[in-house]
Amino acid sequence: MIAQPGKNVAFPRWSPDGRTLPYTSFSSSGSASDFRLHTIGADGTSPRVLRAGSEADW
């Protein structure tokens, strides 16, 4: 389970090799500029933000 206080987490998908889980997050307040694309290891380690910005940026 992916949890981030004050954020909504959405669209998790396994990578083709099953090693990582990319997902998106956005502010609970609905701010259009607070969308982020993340990845995390299958074991819950190595979280990274790949991209931050508005939803239209990706």
Protein backbone atom coordinates (compact mmCIF):
# COMPACT_ATOMS: atom_id res chain seq x y z
CA MET A 1 0.00 0.00 0.00
CA ILE A 2 1.25 3.46 -0.89
CA ALA A 3 0.35 6.19 1.61
CA GLN A 4 1.23 9.87 1.54
CA PRO A 5 -0.39 12.13 4.16
CA GLY A 6 -2.37 14.96 2.53
CA LYS A 7 -2.10 13.37 -0.92
CA ASN A 8 -4.33 11.24 -3.09
CA VAL A 9 -2.49 8.35 -4.71
CA ALA A 10 -3.82 7.00 -8.01
CA PHE A 11 -3.11 4.83 -11.04
CA PRO A 12 -0.52 2.38 -9.67
CA ARG A 13 0.74 -0.04 -12.34
CA TRP A 14 3.45 -2.68 -12.19
CA SER A 15 6.43 -2.13 -14.46
CA PRO A 16 6.85 -4.81 -17.17
CA ASP A 17 9.70 -6.44 -15.23
CA GLY A 18 7.78 -6.33 -11.90
CA ARG A 19 10.56 -4.48 -10.09
CA THR A 20 8.86 -1.09 -9.65
CA LEU A 21 5.45 0.41 -9.22
CA PRO A 22 4.88 3.77 -10.91
CA TYR A 23 1.94 5.85 -9.63
CA THR A 24 0.65 9.41 -9.50
CA SER A 25 -0.18 11.61 -6.54
CA PHE A 26 -1.95 14.92 -6.16
CA SER A 27 -2.86 17.30 -3.37
CA SER A 28 -6.01 16.59 -1.39
CA SER A 29 -6.81 20.28 -1.80
CA GLY A 30 -7.13 19.78 -5.56
CA SER A 31 -4.31 22.12 -6.57
CA ALA A 32 -3.72 21.61 -10.31
CA SER A 33 0.00 22.34 -9.91
CA ASP A 34 0.62 19.56 -7.37
CA PHE A 35 0.52 16.47 -9.58
CA ARG A 36 3.52 14.14 -9.33
CA LEU A 37 4.64 10.98 -11.06
CA HIS A 38 6.45 8.58 -8.70
CA THR A 39 8.04 5.18 -8.73
CA ILE A 40 8.78 2.85 -5.82
CA GLY A 41 10.47 -0.52 -5.61
CA ALA A 42 8.30 -3.63 -5.42
CA ASP A 43 9.57 -4.14 -1.87
CA GLY A 44 8.57 -0.58 -0.85
CA THR A 45 12.09 0.85 -1.02
CA SER A 46 13.68 3.53 -3.20
CA PRO A 47 10.74 5.93 -3.68
CA ARG A 48 11.44 8.61 -6.31
CA VAL A 49 9.59 11.55 -7.82
CA LEU A 50 10.04 11.29 -11.59
CA ARG A 51 8.07 14.36 -12.59
CA ALA A 52 6.23 17.18 -10.80
CA GLY A 53 3.94 19.83 -12.22
CA SER A 54 0.46 20.19 -13.59
CA GLU A 55 -1.36 17.20 -15.01
CA ALA A 56 -1.16 18.67 -18.52
CA ASP A 57 2.66 18.72 -18.35
CA TRP A 58 2.89 14.97 -18.91
